[in-house]
Amino acid sequence: MSGTTAAVNVNEAKAHFSAILAEVESRMATYTIMRYGHPVAKIVPVGRARKIRPLPGYGAKIAIKGDLFADDSALWENA
């Protein structure tokens, strides 16, 4: 089952859920879960996660001057 779609009923999906997940993960298979002959859910593979790298130039350190914890609210009141 390489990249294929299969339909299984709810009872079969419940009984073989681990095997279905293994198929989805390893072979990129898609399963449609059926109840009384009608589709109710799909189990599909998730795309590969991308690595996120920092943008060049945005990883630099910053320098903070002054006291971060000082109460300077009076300076901002009349600004």
Protein backbone atom coordinates (compact mmCIF):
# COMPACT_ATOMS: atom_id res chain seq x y z
CA MET A 1 0.00 0.00 0.00
CA SER A 2 2.33 2.79 -1.12
CA GLY A 3 0.55 6.14 -0.99
CA THR A 4 -2.82 4.48 -1.48
CA THR A 5 -6.24 4.97 0.05
CA ALA A 6 -8.21 2.28 1.86
CA ALA A 7 -11.65 2.29 3.47
CA VAL A 8 -12.20 0.46 6.76
CA ASN A 9 -15.23 0.25 9.00
CA VAL A 10 -15.18 1.56 12.55
CA ASN A 11 -14.84 -1.86 14.19
CA GLU A 12 -11.92 -2.85 11.97
CA ALA A 13 -10.21 0.50 12.58
CA LYS A 14 -10.63 0.08 16.33
CA ALA A 15 -9.27 -3.47 16.30
CA HIS A 16 -6.25 -2.65 14.11
CA PHE A 17 -5.58 1.00 14.97
CA SER A 18 -1.86 0.55 15.70
CA ALA A 19 -1.31 -1.30 12.43
CA ILE A 20 -3.23 1.39 10.51
CA LEU A 21 -1.09 4.12 12.06
CA ALA A 22 2.06 2.21 11.18
CA GLU A 23 0.89 2.00 7.55
CA VAL A 24 0.11 5.70 7.46
CA GLU A 25 3.47 6.59 8.95
CA SER A 26 5.70 4.27 6.97
CA ARG A 27 3.96 4.02 3.61
CA MET A 28 2.10 7.35 3.45
CA ALA A 29 -1.22 5.50 3.16
CA THR A 30 -4.57 7.21 3.72
CA TYR A 31 -7.47 5.49 5.47
CA THR A 32 -11.12 6.49 5.37
CA ILE A 33 -13.12 5.36 8.40
CA MET A 34 -16.64 4.29 7.44
CA ARG A 35 -19.75 3.98 9.61
CA TYR A 36 -22.77 2.25 8.09
CA GLY A 37 -21.19 2.64 4.66
CA HIS A 38 -20.65 6.41 4.98
CA PRO A 39 -17.27 8.09 5.46
CA VAL A 40 -16.92 9.79 8.84
CA ALA A 41 -13.16 10.40 9.22
CA LYS A 42 -9.83 10.19 7.46
CA ILE A 43 -6.42 9.23 8.77
CA VAL A 44 -3.79 10.94 6.65
CA PRO A 45 -0.03 11.28 6.97
CA VAL A 46 1.35 14.54 8.29
CA GLY A 47 4.03 16.20 6.19
CA ARG A 48 7.58 16.20 7.40
CA ALA A 49 8.41 18.91 9.92
CA ARG A 50 10.63 21.66 8.60
CA LYS A 51 13.60 22.90 10.55
CA ILE A 52 13.32 26.55 11.43
CA ARG A 53 16.57 28.45 11.32
CA PRO A 54 17.08 31.98 12.63
CA LEU A 55 17.40 34.66 10.01
CA PRO A 56 20.96 35.90 9.48
CA GLY A 57 21.68 39.07 11.39
CA TYR A 58 18.79 38.67 13.83
CA GLY A 59 20.63 36.52 16.33
CA ALA A 60 22.89 39.29 17.59
CA LYS A 61 23.05 40.22 21.24
CA ILE A 62 21.56 43.48 22.46
CA ALA A 63 22.88 45.81 25.11
CA ILE A 64 20.51 47.29 27.68
CA LYS A 65 21.61 50.46 29.40
CA GLY A 66 20.05 51.58 32.64
CA ASP A 67 18.09 49.86 35.35
CA LEU A 68 15.32 47.60 34.06
CA PHE A 69 13.61 47.50 37.44
CA ALA A 70 13.68 51.18 38.32
CA ASP A 71 10.34 52.98 38.56
CA ASP A 72 10.65 55.49 35.71
CA SER A 73 6.91 55.92 35.21
CA ALA A 74 7.14 59.62 36.13
CA LEU A 75 9.42 60.18 33.14
CA TRP A 76 6.77 58.76 30.81
CA GLU A 77 3.81 60.64 32.28
CA ASN A 78 4.77 64.04 30.84
CA ALA A 79 6.39 62.84 27.63
